[in-house]
Amino acid sequence: MNVAVKRVTVYFDPSLHRVLRLKSAETSRSVSEIVNEAVSMALHEDLEDLETFAHRAHEPTISFESALKELKRNGKI
């Protein structure tokens, strides 16, 4: 890695750790690289979700009961 890194301790379930080590060996990437990529992807998904929530914040809401009634009225249930 070319950028400064922060060292942390992370505890994995033994079976997850085993699979991470296997993936590391198979892909010639370090466990840290794999974990960093996975965390980055998860955070990116969170950001996309938050952007979607913000975009839809002013949409009208409908109650669960109303949604069920609409499904029944439309012959879906």
PDB file of N, CA and C in Angstrom:
ATOM      1  N   MET A   1       0.838  -1.189   0.000  1.00  0.00           N
ATOM      2  CA  MET A   1       0.000   0.000   0.000  1.00  0.00           C
ATOM      3  C   MET A   1       0.877   1.245   0.000  1.00  0.00           C
ATOM      4  N   ASN A   2       0.496   2.234  -0.748  1.00  0.00           N
ATOM      5  CA  ASN A   2       1.279   3.453  -0.862  1.00  0.00           C
ATOM      6  C   ASN A   2       0.845   4.522   0.124  1.00  0.00           C
ATOM      7  N   VAL A   3      -0.305   4.384   0.741  1.00  0.00           N
ATOM      8  CA  VAL A   3      -0.814   5.393   1.659  1.00  0.00           C
ATOM      9  C   VAL A   3      -0.557   4.952   3.089  1.00  0.00           C
ATOM     10  N   ALA A   4      -0.599   5.923   4.001  1.00  0.00           N
ATOM     11  CA  ALA A   4      -0.443   5.599   5.416  1.00  0.00           C
ATOM     12  C   ALA A   4      -1.597   4.696   5.840  1.00  0.00           C
ATOM     13  N   VAL A   5      -1.280   3.741   6.690  1.00  0.00           N
ATOM     14  CA  VAL A   5      -2.301   2.804   7.149  1.00  0.00           C
ATOM     15  C   VAL A   5      -2.400   2.867   8.660  1.00  0.00           C
ATOM     16  N   LYS A   6      -3.525   2.456   9.177  1.00  0.00           N
ATOM     17  CA  LYS A   6      -3.779   2.390  10.606  1.00  0.00           C
ATOM     18  C   LYS A   6      -3.916   0.935  10.989  1.00  0.00           C
ATOM     19  N   ARG A   7      -3.159   0.510  11.962  1.00  0.00           N
ATOM     20  CA  ARG A   7      -3.200  -0.880  12.403  1.00  0.00           C
ATOM     21  C   ARG A   7      -4.268  -1.023  13.480  1.00  0.00           C
ATOM     22  N   VAL A   8      -5.124  -2.046  13.310  1.00  0.00           N
ATOM     23  CA  VAL A   8      -6.178  -2.331  14.283  1.00  0.00           C
ATOM     24  C   VAL A   8      -6.234  -3.831  14.527  1.00  0.00           C
ATOM     25  N   THR A   9      -6.888  -4.194  15.609  1.00  0.00           N
ATOM     26  CA  THR A   9      -7.106  -5.610  15.896  1.00  0.00           C
ATOM     27  C   THR A   9      -8.564  -5.927  15.607  1.00  0.00           C
ATOM     28  N   VAL A  10      -8.784  -6.941  14.821  1.00  0.00           N
ATOM     29  CA  VAL A  10     -10.131  -7.383  14.473  1.00  0.00           C
ATOM     30  C   VAL A  10     -10.229  -8.855  14.817  1.00  0.00           C
ATOM     31  N   TYR A  11     -11.313  -9.238  15.452  1.00  0.00           N
ATOM     32  CA  TYR A  11     -11.515 -10.637  15.817  1.00  0.00           C
ATOM     33  C   TYR A  11     -12.517 -11.264  14.858  1.00  0.00           C
ATOM     34  N   PHE A  12     -12.121 -12.355  14.208  1.00  0.00           N
ATOM     35  CA  PHE A  12     -12.976 -13.062  13.265  1.00  0.00           C
ATOM     36  C   PHE A  12     -13.396 -14.392  13.849  1.00  0.00           C
ATOM     37  N   ASP A  13     -14.564 -14.826  13.456  1.00  0.00           N
ATOM     38  CA  ASP A  13     -14.981 -16.193  13.709  1.00  0.00           C
ATOM     39  C   ASP A  13     -13.931 -17.080  13.034  1.00  0.00           C
ATOM     40  N   PRO A  14     -13.508 -18.158  13.699  1.00  0.00           N
ATOM     41  CA  PRO A  14     -12.448 -18.998  13.124  1.00  0.00           C
ATOM     42  C   PRO A  14     -12.737 -19.489  11.704  1.00  0.00           C
ATOM     43  N   SER A  15     -13.979 -19.821  11.414  1.00  0.00           N
ATOM     44  CA  SER A  15     -14.279 -20.318  10.068  1.00  0.00           C
ATOM     45  C   SER A  15     -14.176 -19.194   9.039  1.00  0.00           C
ATOM     46  N   LEU A  16     -14.579 -17.969   9.403  1.00  0.00           N
ATOM     47  CA  LEU A  16     -14.412 -16.833   8.491  1.00  0.00           C
ATOM     48  C   LEU A  16     -12.933 -16.550   8.256  1.00  0.00           C
ATOM     49  N   HIS A  17     -12.152 -16.617   9.318  1.00  0.00           N
ATOM     50  CA  HIS A  17     -10.726 -16.361   9.190  1.00  0.00           C
ATOM     51  C   HIS A  17     -10.066 -17.381   8.273  1.00  0.00           C
ATOM     52  N   ARG A  18     -10.463 -18.630   8.406  1.00  0.00           N
ATOM     53  CA  ARG A  18      -9.911 -19.683   7.550  1.00  0.00           C
ATOM     54  C   ARG A  18     -10.210 -19.397   6.085  1.00  0.00           C
ATOM     55  N   VAL A  19     -11.457 -19.012   5.802  1.00  0.00           N
ATOM     56  CA  VAL A  19     -11.843 -18.721   4.419  1.00  0.00           C
ATOM     57  C   VAL A  19     -11.114 -17.480   3.902  1.00  0.00           C
ATOM     58  N   LEU A  20     -10.948 -16.477   4.755  1.00  0.00           N
ATOM     59  CA  LEU A  20     -10.193 -15.297   4.341  1.00  0.00           C
ATOM     60  C   LEU A  20      -8.748 -15.644   3.997  1.00  0.00           C
ATOM     61  N   ARG A  21      -8.124 -16.483   4.808  1.00  0.00           N
ATOM     62  CA  ARG A  21      -6.744 -16.896   4.525  1.00  0.00           C
ATOM     63  C   ARG A  21      -6.678 -17.675   3.217  1.00  0.00           C
ATOM     64  N   LEU A  22      -7.673 -18.547   2.976  1.00  0.00           N
ATOM     65  CA  LEU A  22      -7.700 -19.302   1.720  1.00  0.00           C
ATOM     66  C   LEU A  22      -7.866 -18.369   0.521  1.00  0.00           C
ATOM     67  N   LYS A  23      -8.791 -17.412   0.656  1.00  0.00           N
ATOM     68  CA  LYS A  23      -8.995 -16.456  -0.435  1.00  0.00           C
ATOM     69  C   LYS A  23      -7.738 -15.632  -0.658  1.00  0.00           C
ATOM     70  N   SER A  24      -7.079 -15.251   0.424  1.00  0.00           N
ATOM     71  CA  SER A  24      -5.835 -14.498   0.328  1.00  0.00           C
ATOM     72  C   SER A  24      -4.796 -15.276  -0.467  1.00  0.00           C
ATOM     73  N   ALA A  25      -4.632 -16.530  -0.134  1.00  0.00           N
ATOM     74  CA  ALA A  25      -3.651 -17.357  -0.834  1.00  0.00           C
ATOM     75  C   ALA A  25      -4.027 -17.563  -2.298  1.00  0.00           C
ATOM     76  N   GLU A  26      -5.317 -17.745  -2.548  1.00  0.00           N
ATOM     77  CA  GLU A  26      -5.772 -18.016  -3.909  1.00  0.00           C
ATOM     78  C   GLU A  26      -5.685 -16.793  -4.806  1.00  0.00           C
ATOM     79  N   THR A  27      -5.845 -15.610  -4.228  1.00  0.00           N
ATOM     80  CA  THR A  27      -5.859 -14.383  -5.031  1.00  0.00           C
ATOM     81  C   THR A  27      -4.557 -13.596  -4.947  1.00  0.00           C
ATOM     82  N   SER A  28      -3.605 -14.091  -4.161  1.00  0.00           N
ATOM     83  CA  SER A  28      -2.330 -13.394  -3.953  1.00  0.00           C
ATOM     84  C   SER A  28      -2.532 -11.981  -3.411  1.00  0.00           C
ATOM     85  N   ARG A  29      -3.540 -11.842  -2.574  1.00  0.00           N
ATOM     86  CA  ARG A  29      -3.825 -10.567  -1.909  1.00  0.00           C
ATOM     87  C   ARG A  29      -3.780 -10.811  -0.413  1.00  0.00           C
ATOM     88  N   SER A  30      -3.432  -9.794   0.344  1.00  0.00           N
ATOM     89  CA  SER A  30      -3.387  -9.954   1.789  1.00  0.00           C
ATOM     90  C   SER A  30      -4.802  -9.961   2.366  1.00  0.00           C
ATOM     91  N   VAL A  31      -4.929 -10.535   3.550  1.00  0.00           N
ATOM     92  CA  VAL A  31      -6.213 -10.504   4.247  1.00  0.00           C
ATOM     93  C   VAL A  31      -6.631  -9.053   4.462  1.00  0.00           C
ATOM     94  N   SER A  32      -5.682  -8.199   4.791  1.00  0.00           N
ATOM     95  CA  SER A  32      -5.987  -6.774   4.990  1.00  0.00           C
ATOM     96  C   SER A  32      -6.579  -6.140   3.736  1.00  0.00           C
ATOM     97  N   GLU A  33      -6.013  -6.457   2.576  1.00  0.00           N
ATOM     98  CA  GLU A  33      -6.545  -5.916   1.321  1.00  0.00           C
ATOM     99  C   GLU A  33      -7.989  -6.375   1.099  1.00  0.00           C
ATOM    100  N   ILE A  34      -8.240  -7.642   1.352  1.00  0.00           N
ATOM    101  CA  ILE A  34      -9.584  -8.196   1.159  1.00  0.00           C
ATOM    102  C   ILE A  34     -10.576  -7.546   2.115  1.00  0.00           C
ATOM    103  N   VAL A  35     -10.180  -7.425   3.377  1.00  0.00           N
ATOM    104  CA  VAL A  35     -11.069  -6.824   4.384  1.00  0.00           C
ATOM    105  C   VAL A  35     -11.288  -5.344   4.077  1.00  0.00           C
ATOM    106  N   ASN A  36     -10.222  -4.614   3.721  1.00  0.00           N
ATOM    107  CA  ASN A  36     -10.375  -3.200   3.373  1.00  0.00           C
ATOM    108  C   ASN A  36     -11.341  -3.009   2.213  1.00  0.00           C
ATOM    109  N   GLU A  37     -11.225  -3.855   1.194  1.00  0.00           N
ATOM    110  CA  GLU A  37     -12.127  -3.756   0.050  1.00  0.00           C
ATOM    111  C   GLU A  37     -13.569  -4.034   0.464  1.00  0.00           C
ATOM    112  N   ALA A  38     -13.768  -5.059   1.283  1.00  0.00           N
ATOM    113  CA  ALA A  38     -15.123  -5.412   1.721  1.00  0.00           C
ATOM    114  C   ALA A  38     -15.741  -4.292   2.553  1.00  0.00           C
ATOM    115  N   VAL A  39     -14.964  -3.704   3.463  1.00  0.00           N
ATOM    116  CA  VAL A  39     -15.480  -2.609   4.290  1.00  0.00           C
ATOM    117  C   VAL A  39     -15.784  -1.395   3.420  1.00  0.00           C
ATOM    118  N   SER A  40     -14.894  -1.102   2.490  1.00  0.00           N
ATOM    119  CA  SER A  40     -15.116   0.024   1.588  1.00  0.00           C
ATOM    120  C   SER A  40     -16.393  -0.160   0.770  1.00  0.00           C
ATOM    121  N   MET A  41     -16.608  -1.368   0.263  1.00  0.00           N
ATOM    122  CA  MET A  41     -17.820  -1.656  -0.516  1.00  0.00           C
ATOM    123  C   MET A  41     -19.064  -1.508   0.351  1.00  0.00           C
ATOM    124  N   ALA A  42     -19.009  -2.002   1.586  1.00  0.00           N
ATOM    125  CA  ALA A  42     -20.160  -1.898   2.491  1.00  0.00           C
ATOM    126  C   ALA A  42     -20.476  -0.435   2.794  1.00  0.00           C
ATOM    127  N   LEU A  43     -19.450   0.367   3.033  1.00  0.00           N
ATOM    128  CA  LEU A  43     -19.668   1.786   3.302  1.00  0.00           C
ATOM    129  C   LEU A  43     -20.199   2.512   2.072  1.00  0.00           C
ATOM    130  N   HIS A  44     -19.732   2.124   0.895  1.00  0.00           N
ATOM    131  CA  HIS A  44     -20.245   2.717  -0.350  1.00  0.00           C
ATOM    132  C   HIS A  44     -21.739   2.408  -0.507  1.00  0.00           C
ATOM    133  N   GLU A  45     -22.124   1.168  -0.192  1.00  0.00           N
ATOM    134  CA  GLU A  45     -23.541   0.798  -0.249  1.00  0.00           C
ATOM    135  C   GLU A  45     -24.343   1.617   0.747  1.00  0.00           C
ATOM    136  N   ASP A  46     -23.799   1.835   1.950  1.00  0.00           N
ATOM    137  CA  ASP A  46     -24.481   2.669   2.942  1.00  0.00           C
ATOM    138  C   ASP A  46     -24.683   4.084   2.411  1.00  0.00           C
ATOM    139  N   LEU A  47     -23.649   4.640   1.776  1.00  0.00           N
ATOM    140  CA  LEU A  47     -23.748   5.983   1.212  1.00  0.00           C
ATOM    141  C   LEU A  47     -24.834   6.038   0.140  1.00  0.00           C
ATOM    142  N   GLU A  48     -24.874   5.035  -0.724  1.00  0.00           N
ATOM    143  CA  GLU A  48     -25.916   4.990  -1.751  1.00  0.00           C
ATOM    144  C   GLU A  48     -27.297   4.928  -1.118  1.00  0.00           C
ATOM    145  N   ASP A  49     -27.445   4.122  -0.060  1.00  0.00           N
ATOM    146  CA  ASP A  49     -28.725   4.031   0.639  1.00  0.00           C
ATOM    147  C   ASP A  49     -29.128   5.383   1.223  1.00  0.00           C
ATOM    148  N   LEU A  50     -28.187   6.067   1.879  1.00  0.00           N
ATOM    149  CA  LEU A  50     -28.489   7.368   2.471  1.00  0.00           C
ATOM    150  C   LEU A  50     -28.877   8.386   1.402  1.00  0.00           C
ATOM    151  N   GLU A  51     -28.198   8.347   0.254  1.00  0.00           N
ATOM    152  CA  GLU A  51     -28.548   9.251  -0.844  1.00  0.00           C
ATOM    153  C   GLU A  51     -29.950   8.956  -1.361  1.00  0.00           C
ATOM    154  N   THR A  52     -30.300   7.673  -1.440  1.00  0.00           N
ATOM    155  CA  THR A  52     -31.636   7.287  -1.886  1.00  0.00           C
ATOM    156  C   THR A  52     -32.684   7.739  -0.884  1.00  0.00           C
ATOM    157  N   PHE A  53     -32.402   7.535   0.404  1.00  0.00           N
ATOM    158  CA  PHE A  53     -33.349   7.977   1.438  1.00  0.00           C
ATOM    159  C   PHE A  53     -33.570   9.484   1.355  1.00  0.00           C
ATOM    160  N   ALA A  54     -32.486  10.238   1.183  1.00  0.00           N
ATOM    161  CA  ALA A  54     -32.601  11.689   1.090  1.00  0.00           C
ATOM    162  C   ALA A  54     -33.410  12.084  -0.136  1.00  0.00           C
ATOM    163  N   HIS A  55     -33.176  11.411  -1.256  1.00  0.00           N
ATOM    164  CA  HIS A  55     -33.890  11.707  -2.499  1.00  0.00           C
ATOM    165  C   HIS A  55     -35.388  11.436  -2.352  1.00  0.00           C
ATOM    166  N   ARG A  56     -35.728  10.398  -1.570  1.00  0.00           N
ATOM    167  CA  ARG A  56     -37.128   9.992  -1.447  1.00  0.00           C
ATOM    168  C   ARG A  56     -37.805  10.541  -0.194  1.00  0.00           C
ATOM    169  N   ALA A  57     -37.140  11.413   0.548  1.00  0.00           N
ATOM    170  CA  ALA A  57     -37.631  11.894   1.837  1.00  0.00           C
ATOM    171  C   ALA A  57     -38.997  12.566   1.742  1.00  0.00           C
ATOM    172  N   HIS A  58     -39.277  13.178   0.630  1.00  0.00           N
ATOM    173  CA  HIS A  58     -40.530  13.931   0.515  1.00  0.00           C
ATOM    174  C   HIS A  58     -41.636  13.166  -0.215  1.00  0.00           C
ATOM    175  N   GLU A  59     -41.394  11.901  -0.496  1.00  0.00           N
ATOM    176  CA  GLU A  59     -42.439  11.090  -1.111  1.00  0.00           C
ATOM    177  C   GLU A  59     -43.541  10.815  -0.082  1.00  0.00           C
ATOM    178  N   PRO A  60     -44.768  10.714  -0.541  1.00  0.00           N
ATOM    179  CA  PRO A  60     -45.837  10.391   0.402  1.00  0.00           C
ATOM    180  C   PRO A  60     -45.645   8.978   0.965  1.00  0.00           C
ATOM    181  N   THR A  61     -46.051   8.809   2.195  1.00  0.00           N
ATOM    182  CA  THR A  61     -45.954   7.488   2.818  1.00  0.00           C
ATOM    183  C   THR A  61     -47.315   6.817   2.819  1.00  0.00           C
ATOM    184  N   ILE A  62     -47.301   5.508   2.926  1.00  0.00           N
ATOM    185  CA  ILE A  62     -48.535   4.741   2.964  1.00  0.00           C
ATOM    186  C   ILE A  62     -48.390   3.713   4.086  1.00  0.00           C
ATOM    187  N   SER A  63     -49.444   3.508   4.837  1.00  0.00           N
ATOM    188  CA  SER A  63     -49.372   2.559   5.939  1.00  0.00           C
ATOM    189  C   SER A  63     -49.419   1.131   5.398  1.00  0.00           C
ATOM    190  N   PHE A  64     -48.948   0.215   6.205  1.00  0.00           N
ATOM    191  CA  PHE A  64     -48.980  -1.196   5.839  1.00  0.00           C
ATOM    192  C   PHE A  64     -50.418  -1.642   5.578  1.00  0.00           C
ATOM    193  N   GLU A  65     -51.324  -1.210   6.435  1.00  0.00           N
ATOM    194  CA  GLU A  65     -52.740  -1.569   6.278  1.00  0.00           C
ATOM    195  C   GLU A  65     -53.286  -1.065   4.947  1.00  0.00           C
ATOM    196  N   SER A  66     -52.967   0.174   4.600  1.00  0.00           N
ATOM    197  CA  SER A  66     -53.429   0.736   3.323  1.00  0.00           C
ATOM    198  C   SER A  66     -52.841  -0.021   2.140  1.00  0.00           C
ATOM    199  N   ALA A  67     -51.557  -0.396   2.246  1.00  0.00           N
ATOM    200  CA  ALA A  67     -50.919  -1.140   1.170  1.00  0.00           C
ATOM    201  C   ALA A  67     -51.592  -2.490   0.977  1.00  0.00           C
ATOM    202  N   LEU A  68     -51.920  -3.174   2.074  1.00  0.00           N
ATOM    203  CA  LEU A  68     -52.622  -4.461   1.973  1.00  0.00           C
ATOM    204  C   LEU A  68     -53.989  -4.300   1.333  1.00  0.00           C
ATOM    205  N   LYS A  69     -54.711  -3.262   1.743  1.00  0.00           N
ATOM    206  CA  LYS A  69     -56.040  -3.011   1.167  1.00  0.00           C
ATOM    207  C   LYS A  69     -55.939  -2.739  -0.335  1.00  0.00           C
ATOM    208  N   GLU A  70     -54.909  -1.997  -0.736  1.00  0.00           N
ATOM    209  CA  GLU A  70     -54.716  -1.710  -2.154  1.00  0.00           C
ATOM    210  C   GLU A  70     -54.409  -2.995  -2.927  1.00  0.00           C
ATOM    211  N   LEU A  71     -53.578  -3.862  -2.374  1.00  0.00           N
ATOM    212  CA  LEU A  71     -53.284  -5.143  -3.008  1.00  0.00           C
ATOM    213  C   LEU A  71     -54.545  -5.977  -3.167  1.00  0.00           C
ATOM    214  N   LYS A  72     -55.377  -5.994  -2.151  1.00  0.00           N
ATOM    215  CA  LYS A  72     -56.629  -6.745  -2.216  1.00  0.00           C
ATOM    216  C   LYS A  72     -57.565  -6.154  -3.254  1.00  0.00           C
ATOM    217  N   ARG A  73     -57.646  -4.819  -3.262  1.00  0.00           N
ATOM    218  CA  ARG A  73     -58.514  -4.130  -4.217  1.00  0.00           C
ATOM    219  C   ARG A  73     -58.071  -4.408  -5.649  1.00  0.00           C
ATOM    220  N   ASN A  74     -56.780  -4.563  -5.875  1.00  0.00           N
ATOM    221  CA  ASN A  74     -56.253  -4.827  -7.213  1.00  0.00           C
ATOM    222  C   ASN A  74     -56.170  -6.306  -7.551  1.00  0.00           C
ATOM    223  N   GLY A  75     -56.689  -7.163  -6.664  1.00  0.00           N
ATOM    224  CA  GLY A  75     -56.714  -8.583  -6.921  1.00  0.00           C
ATOM    225  C   GLY A  75     -55.343  -9.265  -6.800  1.00  0.00           C
ATOM    226  N   LYS A  76     -54.404  -8.634  -6.144  1.00  0.00           N
ATOM    227  CA  LYS A  76     -53.060  -9.203  -5.979  1.00  0.00           C
ATOM    228  C   LYS A  76     -53.010 -10.197  -4.819  1.00  0.00           C
ATOM    229  N   ILE A  77     -53.899 -10.013  -3.853  1.00  0.00           N
ATOM    230  CA  ILE A  77     -53.993 -10.961  -2.741  1.00  0.00           C
ATOM    231  C   ILE A  77     -55.446 -11.260  -2.436  1.00  0.00           C
TER     232      ILE A  77
END
